[in-house]
Amino acid sequence: MPKLKPDTQRARREHILDAAEHCFARAGFHRCTMHDICKEAGISPGALYVYFSSKEALIAGIAERNRADFAARFTELAEGGDVVRSLGALAQHYFVDEPAHKQLMFVEIGVEATRNPQVGEIYRSVDEFCTASFEALFERLLAERRINPELDIKSLTRVFEVIGDGLFWRRATDPNFDAAQSIPAVMRMIEILLGADVSVQPSTNTRVEAKEAIQ
C-alpha cells in the first residue's frame, strides 16, 4: 500500500478530529466509542488507529488544534489598534459563528477533565496557554496606558475568563440563548473593566512586541 502524501494525511487527521468532535458533543466522552467515531468519519478501525490510539489521544488532537487556532486569532487581536473591537470579533467567532456543538464538546471535555487525569492535564494546558496570552496582552496594554483597569492584571484576566466560560456554558446548555444579542452588552461590560482608551493606536514596534509576547 503506497504511503499517503503529507497533505492527504493531514486532511484525514482533520476529518477524524471533526468526526470525534461531533461524537463527543452528541453522546459524551464515556458513551462515545471508537466505533462510533469510525462510523461518523466513514473509515475503518484500522484507519482510525493509524492516527489516534485512544479517545484521550483524540482529545489531545482536538485540544492542540484549538490551541493553534486560538493562537493565530489572538495574534491578530494583539496586533489590532482597537482592542475592544478586536475582542468583540473574537467573541463573535467563538460564541456565534462556531457551530454550537463545539461549545457542548468543550463542556464534555471540561467535565471529563475532573475525573480523568490525562484529560485534565490536556484541558489545563490549553487553559493555561489562554490565560498567559491574555495576561501578557493586558500587561502590555497597561504599560502603554491604553487600558486603565481598577483590578490588577491577574484578577482582570480571571474575571475575563469567567465571562467567557459563562458564554460557552450558556450556549452549550440553553437552546434558546441568543449569543449574538448578548455580546454587545458583554463587550460594554468588558470595556468598562478594561478602562480602555481605544483612541490610541499602537506603533509598528508595538505590534511586533505583541506578536513576540504570545509566542
N, C-alpha and C. Protein backbone atom coordinates (compact mmCIF):
# COMPACT_ATOMS: atom_id res chain seq x y z
N MET A 1 0.85 -1.20 0.00
CA MET A 1 0.00 0.00 0.00
C MET A 1 0.88 1.25 0.00
N PRO A 2 0.71 2.13 -1.00
CA PRO A 2 1.57 3.32 -1.08
C PRO A 2 1.35 4.25 0.10
N LYS A 3 2.44 4.89 0.51
CA LYS A 3 2.37 5.84 1.62
C LYS A 3 1.64 7.10 1.17
N LEU A 4 0.75 7.57 2.03
CA LEU A 4 -0.03 8.76 1.69
C LEU A 4 0.84 10.01 1.75
N LYS A 5 0.53 10.96 0.90
CA LYS A 5 1.23 12.24 0.91
C LYS A 5 0.91 12.98 2.20
N PRO A 6 1.83 13.84 2.69
CA PRO A 6 1.60 14.58 3.93
C PRO A 6 0.30 15.37 3.93
N ASP A 7 -0.04 16.00 2.82
CA ASP A 7 -1.28 16.78 2.75
C ASP A 7 -2.50 15.87 2.92
N THR A 8 -2.43 14.69 2.33
CA THR A 8 -3.54 13.73 2.46
C THR A 8 -3.64 13.23 3.90
N GLN A 9 -2.51 12.97 4.53
CA GLN A 9 -2.50 12.54 5.92
C GLN A 9 -3.10 13.60 6.83
N ARG A 10 -2.71 14.85 6.60
CA ARG A 10 -3.25 15.95 7.42
C ARG A 10 -4.76 16.08 7.23
N ALA A 11 -5.21 15.95 5.99
CA ALA A 11 -6.64 16.06 5.71
C ALA A 11 -7.42 14.94 6.39
N ARG A 12 -6.89 13.73 6.36
CA ARG A 12 -7.57 12.60 7.01
C ARG A 12 -7.60 12.78 8.53
N ARG A 13 -6.49 13.28 9.07
CA ARG A 13 -6.44 13.51 10.51
C ARG A 13 -7.47 14.56 10.92
N GLU A 14 -7.57 15.64 10.15
CA GLU A 14 -8.55 16.68 10.45
C GLU A 14 -9.98 16.13 10.34
N HIS A 15 -10.21 15.29 9.35
CA HIS A 15 -11.53 14.69 9.17
C HIS A 15 -11.91 13.83 10.37
N ILE A 16 -10.96 13.07 10.88
CA ILE A 16 -11.21 12.24 12.06
C ILE A 16 -11.50 13.11 13.28
N LEU A 17 -10.74 14.19 13.46
CA LEU A 17 -10.98 15.09 14.59
C LEU A 17 -12.36 15.73 14.49
N ASP A 18 -12.77 16.12 13.29
CA ASP A 18 -14.12 16.68 13.10
C ASP A 18 -15.18 15.66 13.53
N ALA A 19 -14.99 14.40 13.12
CA ALA A 19 -15.95 13.35 13.48
C ALA A 19 -15.98 13.14 14.99
N ALA A 20 -14.81 13.16 15.62
CA ALA A 20 -14.74 12.97 17.07
C ALA A 20 -15.45 14.11 17.81
N GLU A 21 -15.29 15.32 17.33
CA GLU A 21 -15.97 16.45 17.95
C GLU A 21 -17.48 16.25 17.95
N HIS A 22 -18.02 15.85 16.82
CA HIS A 22 -19.46 15.62 16.72
C HIS A 22 -19.90 14.48 17.66
N CYS A 23 -19.11 13.43 17.70
CA CYS A 23 -19.49 12.28 18.55
C CYS A 23 -19.43 12.62 20.03
N PHE A 24 -18.37 13.31 20.45
CA PHE A 24 -18.25 13.68 21.86
C PHE A 24 -19.38 14.63 22.27
N ALA A 25 -19.74 15.55 21.38
CA ALA A 25 -20.81 16.50 21.69
C ALA A 25 -22.16 15.79 21.76
N ARG A 26 -22.36 14.83 20.89
CA ARG A 26 -23.66 14.16 20.80
C ARG A 26 -23.86 13.11 21.91
N ALA A 27 -22.84 12.33 22.21
CA ALA A 27 -23.00 11.20 23.12
C ALA A 27 -22.25 11.35 24.43
N GLY A 28 -21.33 12.31 24.52
CA GLY A 28 -20.50 12.41 25.71
C GLY A 28 -19.27 11.53 25.60
N PHE A 29 -18.27 11.81 26.43
CA PHE A 29 -17.00 11.11 26.32
C PHE A 29 -17.14 9.61 26.58
N HIS A 30 -17.87 9.23 27.62
CA HIS A 30 -17.94 7.82 28.01
C HIS A 30 -18.84 6.99 27.09
N ARG A 31 -19.95 7.54 26.68
CA ARG A 31 -20.87 6.79 25.81
C ARG A 31 -20.34 6.68 24.40
N CYS A 32 -19.58 7.66 23.98
CA CYS A 32 -19.00 7.63 22.64
C CYS A 32 -17.91 6.56 22.58
N THR A 33 -17.92 5.74 21.54
CA THR A 33 -16.90 4.70 21.36
C THR A 33 -16.05 5.01 20.13
N MET A 34 -14.92 4.32 20.05
CA MET A 34 -14.08 4.47 18.87
C MET A 34 -14.83 3.99 17.62
N HIS A 35 -15.70 2.99 17.80
CA HIS A 35 -16.52 2.52 16.68
C HIS A 35 -17.46 3.63 16.20
N ASP A 36 -18.04 4.38 17.16
CA ASP A 36 -18.92 5.49 16.78
C ASP A 36 -18.17 6.52 15.94
N ILE A 37 -16.93 6.79 16.35
CA ILE A 37 -16.14 7.78 15.63
C ILE A 37 -15.78 7.27 14.23
N CYS A 38 -15.48 5.98 14.13
CA CYS A 38 -15.21 5.39 12.81
C CYS A 38 -16.43 5.54 11.90
N LYS A 39 -17.59 5.25 12.46
CA LYS A 39 -18.83 5.34 11.68
C LYS A 39 -19.09 6.77 11.24
N GLU A 40 -18.88 7.72 12.15
CA GLU A 40 -19.09 9.15 11.83
C GLU A 40 -18.14 9.60 10.73
N ALA A 41 -16.89 9.12 10.82
CA ALA A 41 -15.88 9.53 9.85
C ALA A 41 -15.93 8.72 8.56
N GLY A 42 -16.65 7.58 8.59
CA GLY A 42 -16.72 6.73 7.41
C GLY A 42 -15.41 6.02 7.11
N ILE A 43 -14.72 5.56 8.17
CA ILE A 43 -13.44 4.89 8.00
C ILE A 43 -13.44 3.60 8.81
N SER A 44 -12.46 2.76 8.57
CA SER A 44 -12.32 1.50 9.31
C SER A 44 -11.57 1.75 10.62
N PRO A 45 -11.72 0.85 11.60
CA PRO A 45 -10.94 0.99 12.84
C PRO A 45 -9.44 1.05 12.59
N GLY A 46 -8.97 0.24 11.64
CA GLY A 46 -7.55 0.27 11.33
C GLY A 46 -7.07 1.62 10.87
N ALA A 47 -7.89 2.29 10.06
CA ALA A 47 -7.53 3.62 9.58
C ALA A 47 -7.52 4.63 10.72
N LEU A 48 -8.46 4.49 11.65
CA LEU A 48 -8.51 5.40 12.79
C LEU A 48 -7.27 5.25 13.67
N TYR A 49 -6.90 3.99 13.97
CA TYR A 49 -5.79 3.76 14.90
C TYR A 49 -4.42 4.12 14.30
N VAL A 50 -4.36 4.33 13.00
CA VAL A 50 -3.13 4.85 12.40
C VAL A 50 -2.82 6.23 12.96
N TYR A 51 -3.88 7.00 13.25
CA TYR A 51 -3.71 8.39 13.67
C TYR A 51 -3.91 8.58 15.18
N PHE A 52 -4.84 7.85 15.78
CA PHE A 52 -5.18 8.06 17.19
C PHE A 52 -5.38 6.72 17.88
N SER A 53 -4.68 6.52 18.98
CA SER A 53 -4.71 5.23 19.67
C SER A 53 -5.82 5.11 20.70
N SER A 54 -6.46 6.24 21.06
CA SER A 54 -7.46 6.22 22.12
C SER A 54 -8.31 7.47 22.05
N LYS A 55 -9.36 7.50 22.85
CA LYS A 55 -10.19 8.71 22.95
C LYS A 55 -9.40 9.85 23.56
N GLU A 56 -8.52 9.53 24.51
CA GLU A 56 -7.67 10.57 25.09
C GLU A 56 -6.75 11.19 24.05
N ALA A 57 -6.25 10.36 23.15
CA ALA A 57 -5.40 10.88 22.06
C ALA A 57 -6.20 11.78 21.14
N LEU A 58 -7.45 11.45 20.92
CA LEU A 58 -8.33 12.30 20.10
C LEU A 58 -8.56 13.64 20.79
N ILE A 59 -8.78 13.62 22.10
CA ILE A 59 -8.97 14.87 22.83
C ILE A 59 -7.70 15.71 22.76
N ALA A 60 -6.54 15.06 22.87
CA ALA A 60 -5.28 15.80 22.75
C ALA A 60 -5.17 16.45 21.37
N GLY A 61 -5.59 15.74 20.33
CA GLY A 61 -5.55 16.30 18.98
C GLY A 61 -6.51 17.46 18.82
N ILE A 62 -7.70 17.33 19.37
CA ILE A 62 -8.69 18.41 19.32
C ILE A 62 -8.17 19.62 20.08
N ALA A 63 -7.60 19.39 21.26
CA ALA A 63 -7.09 20.49 22.08
C ALA A 63 -5.97 21.24 21.37
N GLU A 64 -5.04 20.50 20.77
CA GLU A 64 -3.93 21.14 20.09
C GLU A 64 -4.41 21.93 18.88
N ARG A 65 -5.38 21.39 18.16
CA ARG A 65 -5.92 22.11 17.01
C ARG A 65 -6.57 23.42 17.43
N ASN A 66 -7.32 23.35 18.53
CA ASN A 66 -7.98 24.57 19.00
C ASN A 66 -7.00 25.57 19.60
N ARG A 67 -5.94 25.05 20.24
CA ARG A 67 -4.92 25.95 20.76
C ARG A 67 -4.24 26.71 19.63
N ALA A 68 -3.94 26.00 18.54
CA ALA A 68 -3.29 26.63 17.40
C ALA A 68 -4.22 27.66 16.75
N ASP A 69 -5.51 27.34 16.66
CA ASP A 69 -6.47 28.28 16.10
C ASP A 69 -6.57 29.53 16.97
N PHE A 70 -6.63 29.32 18.29
CA PHE A 70 -6.70 30.46 19.21
C PHE A 70 -5.45 31.32 19.09
N ALA A 71 -4.27 30.70 19.01
CA ALA A 71 -3.02 31.45 18.92
C ALA A 71 -3.00 32.33 17.68
N ALA A 72 -3.48 31.79 16.56
CA ALA A 72 -3.50 32.58 15.32
C ALA A 72 -4.46 33.76 15.43
N ARG A 73 -5.64 33.50 15.98
CA ARG A 73 -6.62 34.58 16.12
C ARG A 73 -6.16 35.60 17.16
N PHE A 74 -5.49 35.13 18.21
CA PHE A 74 -5.04 36.03 19.25
C PHE A 74 -3.93 36.94 18.74
N THR A 75 -3.08 36.43 17.85
CA THR A 75 -2.04 37.27 17.26
C THR A 75 -2.67 38.44 16.51
N GLU A 76 -3.74 38.17 15.76
CA GLU A 76 -4.44 39.24 15.05
C GLU A 76 -5.03 40.24 16.04
N LEU A 77 -5.59 39.72 17.14
CA LEU A 77 -6.17 40.59 18.15
C LEU A 77 -5.10 41.50 18.75
N ALA A 78 -3.95 40.91 19.13
CA ALA A 78 -2.89 41.66 19.78
C ALA A 78 -2.29 42.73 18.88
N GLU A 79 -2.34 42.50 17.57
CA GLU A 79 -1.79 43.46 16.63
C GLU A 79 -2.79 44.54 16.22
N GLY A 80 -4.04 44.39 16.64
CA GLY A 80 -5.07 45.35 16.26
C GLY A 80 -4.96 46.64 17.05
N GLY A 81 -5.49 47.72 16.47
CA GLY A 81 -5.46 49.01 17.14
C GLY A 81 -6.57 49.20 18.15
N ASP A 82 -7.74 48.70 17.86
CA ASP A 82 -8.92 48.87 18.71
C ASP A 82 -9.13 47.57 19.47
N VAL A 83 -8.65 47.51 20.71
CA VAL A 83 -8.66 46.26 21.46
C VAL A 83 -10.07 45.77 21.75
N VAL A 84 -10.98 46.69 22.05
CA VAL A 84 -12.35 46.27 22.36
C VAL A 84 -13.02 45.70 21.12
N ARG A 85 -12.82 46.34 19.99
CA ARG A 85 -13.41 45.82 18.75
C ARG A 85 -12.81 44.46 18.39
N SER A 86 -11.49 44.32 18.59
CA SER A 86 -10.84 43.04 18.30
C SER A 86 -11.33 41.94 19.23
N LEU A 87 -11.52 42.25 20.50
CA LEU A 87 -12.07 41.27 21.43
C LEU A 87 -13.51 40.90 21.05
N GLY A 88 -14.25 41.90 20.57
CA GLY A 88 -15.61 41.63 20.11
C GLY A 88 -15.63 40.69 18.92
N ALA A 89 -14.66 40.86 18.01
CA ALA A 89 -14.57 39.96 16.85
C ALA A 89 -14.23 38.54 17.30
N LEU A 90 -13.36 38.43 18.32
CA LEU A 90 -13.02 37.11 18.85
C LEU A 90 -14.24 36.45 19.48
N ALA A 91 -15.00 37.25 20.23
CA ALA A 91 -16.23 36.73 20.84
C ALA A 91 -17.24 36.31 19.77
N GLN A 92 -17.36 37.10 18.72
CA GLN A 92 -18.27 36.77 17.63
C GLN A 92 -17.91 35.41 17.03
N HIS A 93 -16.61 35.18 16.85
CA HIS A 93 -16.19 33.90 16.26
C HIS A 93 -16.53 32.73 17.17
N TYR A 94 -16.11 32.81 18.44
CA TYR A 94 -16.23 31.66 19.33
C TYR A 94 -17.64 31.43 19.86
N PHE A 95 -18.42 32.49 20.00
CA PHE A 95 -19.73 32.33 20.64
C PHE A 95 -20.92 32.44 19.68
N VAL A 96 -20.66 32.85 18.45
CA VAL A 96 -21.75 32.99 17.47
C VAL A 96 -21.46 32.19 16.20
N ASP A 97 -20.30 32.42 15.59
CA ASP A 97 -20.01 31.82 14.29
C ASP A 97 -19.68 30.33 14.37
N GLU A 98 -18.98 29.92 15.40
CA GLU A 98 -18.65 28.49 15.51
C GLU A 98 -19.91 27.66 15.73
N PRO A 99 -19.95 26.45 15.18
CA PRO A 99 -21.12 25.59 15.40
C PRO A 99 -21.35 25.34 16.89
N ALA A 100 -22.60 25.27 17.28
CA ALA A 100 -22.95 25.11 18.70
C ALA A 100 -22.40 23.82 19.29
N HIS A 101 -22.22 22.77 18.46
CA HIS A 101 -21.74 21.51 19.00
C HIS A 101 -20.34 21.64 19.59
N LYS A 102 -19.56 22.62 19.13
CA LYS A 102 -18.22 22.80 19.68
C LYS A 102 -18.27 23.23 21.14
N GLN A 103 -19.22 24.11 21.48
CA GLN A 103 -19.37 24.50 22.88
C GLN A 103 -19.76 23.31 23.75
N LEU A 104 -20.67 22.50 23.25
CA LEU A 104 -21.09 21.32 24.00
C LEU A 104 -19.93 20.34 24.16
N MET A 105 -19.12 20.21 23.13
CA MET A 105 -17.96 19.33 23.22
C MET A 105 -16.99 19.81 24.28
N PHE A 106 -16.74 21.13 24.34
CA PHE A 106 -15.83 21.67 25.34
C PHE A 106 -16.36 21.45 26.75
N VAL A 107 -17.67 21.56 26.92
CA VAL A 107 -18.26 21.28 28.23
C VAL A 107 -18.02 19.82 28.60
N GLU A 108 -18.23 18.91 27.65
CA GLU A 108 -17.99 17.49 27.90
C GLU A 108 -16.54 17.22 28.29
N ILE A 109 -15.61 17.83 27.58
CA ILE A 109 -14.19 17.63 27.89
C ILE A 109 -13.86 18.24 29.24
N GLY A 110 -14.45 19.40 29.55
CA GLY A 110 -14.20 20.02 30.84
C GLY A 110 -14.68 19.16 31.99
N VAL A 111 -15.84 18.55 31.84
CA VAL A 111 -16.37 17.67 32.88
C VAL A 111 -15.48 16.43 33.02
N GLU A 112 -15.08 15.86 31.88
CA GLU A 112 -14.22 14.68 31.92
C GLU A 112 -12.87 15.01 32.56
N ALA A 113 -12.41 16.25 32.42
CA ALA A 113 -11.14 16.66 33.00
C ALA A 113 -11.14 16.57 34.52
N THR A 114 -12.33 16.60 35.13
CA THR A 114 -12.43 16.49 36.59
C THR A 114 -12.31 15.05 37.07
N ARG A 115 -12.40 14.09 36.14
CA ARG A 115 -12.38 12.67 36.51
C ARG A 115 -11.17 11.92 35.96
N ASN A 116 -10.71 12.36 34.81
CA ASN A 116 -9.66 11.65 34.07
C ASN A 116 -8.38 12.48 34.12
N PRO A 117 -7.35 12.02 34.84
CA PRO A 117 -6.12 12.81 34.97
C PRO A 117 -5.47 13.17 33.64
N GLN A 118 -5.51 12.24 32.68
CA GLN A 118 -4.89 12.51 31.39
C GLN A 118 -5.63 13.62 30.64
N VAL A 119 -6.95 13.54 30.65
CA VAL A 119 -7.75 14.59 30.02
C VAL A 119 -7.59 15.91 30.78
N GLY A 120 -7.52 15.82 32.12
CA GLY A 120 -7.34 17.02 32.93
C GLY A 120 -6.05 17.74 32.59
N GLU A 121 -4.99 17.00 32.36
CA GLU A 121 -3.71 17.61 32.00
C GLU A 121 -3.80 18.32 30.66
N ILE A 122 -4.46 17.68 29.70
CA ILE A 122 -4.64 18.29 28.38
C ILE A 122 -5.47 19.56 28.49
N TYR A 123 -6.58 19.47 29.21
CA TYR A 123 -7.50 20.59 29.36
C TYR A 123 -6.80 21.78 30.02
N ARG A 124 -6.06 21.52 31.08
CA ARG A 124 -5.40 22.61 31.81
C ARG A 124 -4.29 23.25 31.00
N SER A 125 -3.61 22.46 30.16
CA SER A 125 -2.53 23.04 29.36
C SER A 125 -3.06 24.09 28.39
N VAL A 126 -4.21 23.82 27.79
CA VAL A 126 -4.82 24.78 26.87
C VAL A 126 -5.34 26.00 27.65
N ASP A 127 -5.97 25.73 28.79
CA ASP A 127 -6.50 26.82 29.61
C ASP A 127 -5.37 27.73 30.08
N GLU A 128 -4.26 27.15 30.50
CA GLU A 128 -3.12 27.95 30.96
C GLU A 128 -2.51 28.77 29.83
N PHE A 129 -2.50 28.21 28.62
CA PHE A 129 -1.99 28.94 27.47
C PHE A 129 -2.85 30.18 27.20
N CYS A 130 -4.17 30.00 27.24
CA CYS A 130 -5.08 31.13 27.01
C CYS A 130 -4.91 32.18 28.10
N THR A 131 -4.80 31.75 29.35
CA THR A 131 -4.62 32.67 30.46
C THR A 131 -3.35 33.49 30.28
N ALA A 132 -2.24 32.82 29.98
CA ALA A 132 -0.97 33.51 29.80
C ALA A 132 -1.04 34.49 28.63
N SER A 133 -1.75 34.14 27.58
CA SER A 133 -1.87 35.03 26.42
C SER A 133 -2.59 36.32 26.78
N PHE A 134 -3.71 36.19 27.49
CA PHE A 134 -4.46 37.39 27.88
C PHE A 134 -3.71 38.22 28.92
N GLU A 135 -3.05 37.56 29.85
CA GLU A 135 -2.28 38.31 30.84
C GLU A 135 -1.18 39.13 30.17
N ALA A 136 -0.47 38.53 29.21
CA ALA A 136 0.59 39.24 28.50
C ALA A 136 0.03 40.43 27.72
N LEU A 137 -1.12 40.23 27.08
CA LEU A 137 -1.74 41.31 26.33
C LEU A 137 -2.15 42.46 27.26
N PHE A 138 -2.84 42.14 28.35
CA PHE A 138 -3.31 43.18 29.26
C PHE A 138 -2.15 43.91 29.93
N GLU A 139 -1.08 43.19 30.25
CA GLU A 139 0.11 43.84 30.82
C GLU A 139 0.69 44.84 29.83
N ARG A 140 0.77 44.46 28.57
CA ARG A 140 1.32 45.37 27.57
C ARG A 140 0.41 46.58 27.37
N LEU A 141 -0.90 46.36 27.29
CA LEU A 141 -1.83 47.46 27.11
C LEU A 141 -1.79 48.42 28.29
N LEU A 142 -1.60 47.88 29.49
CA LEU A 142 -1.48 48.72 30.68
C LEU A 142 -0.20 49.54 30.62
N ALA A 143 0.90 48.91 30.22
CA ALA A 143 2.17 49.63 30.12
C ALA A 143 2.10 50.75 29.09
N GLU A 144 1.32 50.54 28.05
CA GLU A 144 1.16 51.56 27.00
C GLU A 144 0.09 52.59 27.37
N ARG A 145 -0.54 52.41 28.52
CA ARG A 145 -1.61 53.29 29.01
C ARG A 145 -2.81 53.31 28.07
N ARG A 146 -3.05 52.17 27.46
CA ARG A 146 -4.21 52.04 26.58
C ARG A 146 -5.41 51.46 27.33
N ILE A 147 -5.15 50.89 28.50
CA ILE A 147 -6.23 50.47 29.39
C ILE A 147 -5.93 51.00 30.79
N ASN A 148 -6.96 51.13 31.60
CA ASN A 148 -6.79 51.65 32.96
C ASN A 148 -7.73 50.90 33.90
N PRO A 149 -7.49 49.59 34.08
CA PRO A 149 -8.41 48.79 34.89
C PRO A 149 -8.26 49.07 36.38
N GLU A 150 -9.35 48.94 37.12
CA GLU A 150 -9.28 49.05 38.57
C GLU A 150 -8.68 47.78 39.18
N LEU A 151 -8.86 46.64 38.52
CA LEU A 151 -8.34 45.38 39.01
C LEU A 151 -6.89 45.20 38.59
N ASP A 152 -6.13 44.40 39.36
CA ASP A 152 -4.80 44.00 38.90
C ASP A 152 -4.97 43.05 37.72
N ILE A 153 -3.89 42.86 36.96
CA ILE A 153 -3.98 42.12 35.70
C ILE A 153 -4.42 40.67 35.90
N LYS A 154 -3.91 40.00 36.91
CA LYS A 154 -4.32 38.61 37.14
C LYS A 154 -5.81 38.52 37.46
N SER A 155 -6.30 39.43 38.30
CA SER A 155 -7.73 39.42 38.63
C SER A 155 -8.57 39.79 37.42
N LEU A 156 -8.11 40.76 36.64
CA LEU A 156 -8.81 41.16 35.43
C LEU A 156 -8.92 39.98 34.47
N THR A 157 -7.82 39.25 34.28
CA THR A 157 -7.83 38.10 33.39
C THR A 157 -8.78 37.03 33.88
N ARG A 158 -8.80 36.79 35.19
CA ARG A 158 -9.68 35.78 35.75
C ARG A 158 -11.15 36.13 35.53
N VAL A 159 -11.51 37.40 35.74
CA VAL A 159 -12.89 37.82 35.50
C VAL A 159 -13.24 37.68 34.02
N PHE A 160 -12.29 38.05 33.17
CA PHE A 160 -12.48 37.93 31.73
C PHE A 160 -12.76 36.47 31.34
N GLU A 161 -12.01 35.54 31.95
CA GLU A 161 -12.21 34.12 31.67
C GLU A 161 -13.56 33.63 32.18
N VAL A 162 -13.97 34.10 33.34
CA VAL A 162 -15.27 33.70 33.89
C VAL A 162 -16.39 34.13 32.95
N ILE A 163 -16.28 35.32 32.39
CA ILE A 163 -17.28 35.79 31.43
C ILE A 163 -17.31 34.88 30.21
N GLY A 164 -16.12 34.55 29.68
CA GLY A 164 -16.05 33.66 28.52
C GLY A 164 -16.60 32.28 28.82
N ASP A 165 -16.25 31.74 29.99
CA ASP A 165 -16.77 30.42 30.37
C ASP A 165 -18.29 30.44 30.47
N GLY A 166 -18.83 31.53 30.99
CA GLY A 166 -20.28 31.65 31.11
C GLY A 166 -20.97 31.65 29.76
N LEU A 167 -20.37 32.33 28.79
CA LEU A 167 -20.93 32.34 27.44
C LEU A 167 -20.86 30.95 26.81
N PHE A 168 -19.72 30.26 27.01
CA PHE A 168 -19.59 28.89 26.50
C PHE A 168 -20.68 27.99 27.08
N TRP A 169 -20.81 28.04 28.41
CA TRP A 169 -21.76 27.16 29.09
C TRP A 169 -23.20 27.47 28.67
N ARG A 170 -23.54 28.74 28.63
CA ARG A 170 -24.92 29.12 28.29
C ARG A 170 -25.27 28.68 26.88
N ARG A 171 -24.36 28.88 25.93
CA ARG A 171 -24.67 28.48 24.56
C ARG A 171 -24.75 26.96 24.44
N ALA A 172 -23.93 26.25 25.22
CA ALA A 172 -23.93 24.79 25.14
C ALA A 172 -25.18 24.18 25.75
N THR A 173 -25.73 24.81 26.78
CA THR A 173 -26.80 24.17 27.55
C THR A 173 -28.18 24.78 27.35
N ASP A 174 -28.26 25.98 26.78
CA ASP A 174 -29.55 26.66 26.63
C ASP A 174 -29.85 26.85 25.15
N PRO A 175 -30.76 26.06 24.58
CA PRO A 175 -31.06 26.17 23.15
C PRO A 175 -31.71 27.50 22.77
N ASN A 176 -32.22 28.23 23.76
CA ASN A 176 -32.87 29.50 23.48
C ASN A 176 -31.94 30.69 23.66
N PHE A 177 -30.70 30.43 24.03
CA PHE A 177 -29.76 31.53 24.27
C PHE A 177 -29.32 32.13 22.94
N ASP A 178 -29.42 33.45 22.84
CA ASP A 178 -29.00 34.18 21.64
C ASP A 178 -27.71 34.92 21.96
N ALA A 179 -26.58 34.29 21.63
CA ALA A 179 -25.29 34.89 21.95
C ALA A 179 -25.08 36.20 21.21
N ALA A 180 -25.53 36.26 19.96
CA ALA A 180 -25.34 37.48 19.17
C ALA A 180 -26.03 38.67 19.82
N GLN A 181 -27.17 38.43 20.43
CA GLN A 181 -27.91 39.51 21.08
C GLN A 181 -27.22 39.94 22.38
N SER A 182 -26.53 39.02 23.02
CA SER A 182 -25.91 39.30 24.31
C SER A 182 -24.52 39.92 24.20
N ILE A 183 -23.82 39.67 23.11
CA ILE A 183 -22.43 40.10 23.01
C ILE A 183 -22.25 41.61 23.14
N PRO A 184 -23.09 42.47 22.53
CA PRO A 184 -22.88 43.92 22.71
C PRO A 184 -22.86 44.35 24.17
N ALA A 185 -23.77 43.81 24.98
CA ALA A 185 -23.79 44.15 26.41
C ALA A 185 -22.56 43.61 27.12
N VAL A 186 -22.15 42.40 26.75
CA VAL A 186 -20.95 41.80 27.35
C VAL A 186 -19.72 42.63 27.01
N MET A 187 -19.63 43.07 25.76
CA MET A 187 -18.47 43.85 25.36
C MET A 187 -18.45 45.21 26.03
N ARG A 188 -19.61 45.79 26.29
CA ARG A 188 -19.66 47.06 27.02
C ARG A 188 -19.14 46.85 28.44
N MET A 189 -19.50 45.74 29.05
CA MET A 189 -19.02 45.42 30.39
C MET A 189 -17.50 45.24 30.38
N ILE A 190 -16.97 44.56 29.37
CA ILE A 190 -15.53 44.35 29.26
C ILE A 190 -14.81 45.67 29.05
N GLU A 191 -15.38 46.54 28.23
CA GLU A 191 -14.78 47.86 28.01
C GLU A 191 -14.65 48.62 29.33
N ILE A 192 -15.67 48.52 30.17
CA ILE A 192 -15.64 49.19 31.48
C ILE A 192 -14.58 48.55 32.37
N LEU A 193 -14.51 47.21 32.36
CA LEU A 193 -13.50 46.52 33.16
C LEU A 193 -12.08 46.92 32.75
N LEU A 194 -11.87 47.04 31.44
CA LEU A 194 -10.54 47.40 30.94
C LEU A 194 -10.21 48.86 31.17
N GLY A 195 -11.23 49.71 31.22
CA GLY A 195 -10.96 51.14 31.22
C GLY A 195 -10.23 51.50 29.94
N ALA A 196 -10.72 50.95 28.83
CA ALA A 196 -9.98 51.00 27.57
C ALA A 196 -10.02 52.38 26.94
N ASP A 197 -8.86 52.79 26.42
CA ASP A 197 -8.77 54.00 25.60
C ASP A 197 -8.52 53.55 24.17
N VAL A 198 -9.61 53.36 23.42
CA VAL A 198 -9.48 52.79 22.09
C VAL A 198 -9.05 53.82 21.05
N SER A 199 -8.84 55.07 21.47
CA SER A 199 -8.41 56.09 20.52
C SER A 199 -6.93 56.01 20.24
N VAL A 200 -6.16 55.31 21.09
CA VAL A 200 -4.72 55.21 20.93
C VAL A 200 -4.40 54.05 20.00
N GLN A 201 -3.61 54.30 18.98
CA GLN A 201 -3.23 53.27 18.03
C GLN A 201 -1.81 52.81 18.31
N PRO A 202 -1.52 51.51 18.32
CA PRO A 202 -0.16 51.04 18.59
C PRO A 202 0.77 51.31 17.42
N SER A 203 2.05 51.50 17.73
CA SER A 203 3.04 51.71 16.69
C SER A 203 3.40 50.37 16.06
N THR A 204 4.18 50.42 14.98
CA THR A 204 4.63 49.19 14.34
C THR A 204 5.46 48.36 15.29
N ASN A 205 6.36 49.02 16.07
CA ASN A 205 7.18 48.29 17.03
C ASN A 205 6.33 47.60 18.07
N THR A 206 5.26 48.26 18.51
CA THR A 206 4.36 47.68 19.49
C THR A 206 3.72 46.42 18.96
N ARG A 207 3.35 46.43 17.68
CA ARG A 207 2.72 45.25 17.10
C ARG A 207 3.69 44.08 17.04
N VAL A 208 4.95 44.36 16.75
CA VAL A 208 5.95 43.30 16.75
C VAL A 208 6.13 42.74 18.14
N GLU A 209 6.18 43.62 19.16
CA GLU A 209 6.33 43.16 20.53
C GLU A 209 5.14 42.33 20.96
N ALA A 210 3.93 42.71 20.50
CA ALA A 210 2.73 41.95 20.85
C ALA A 210 2.80 40.54 20.30
N LYS A 211 3.28 40.43 19.06
CA LYS A 211 3.37 39.11 18.46
C LYS A 211 4.37 38.24 19.20
N GLU A 212 5.52 38.85 19.61
CA GLU A 212 6.55 38.10 20.32
C GLU A 212 6.05 37.68 21.70
N ALA A 213 5.19 38.49 22.30
CA ALA A 213 4.75 38.23 23.68
C ALA A 213 3.93 36.97 23.81
N ILE A 214 3.24 36.56 22.73
CA ILE A 214 2.37 35.39 22.83
C ILE A 214 2.96 34.16 22.16
N GLN A 215 4.18 34.27 21.67
CA GLN A 215 4.82 33.12 21.02
C GLN A 215 5.60 32.30 22.06
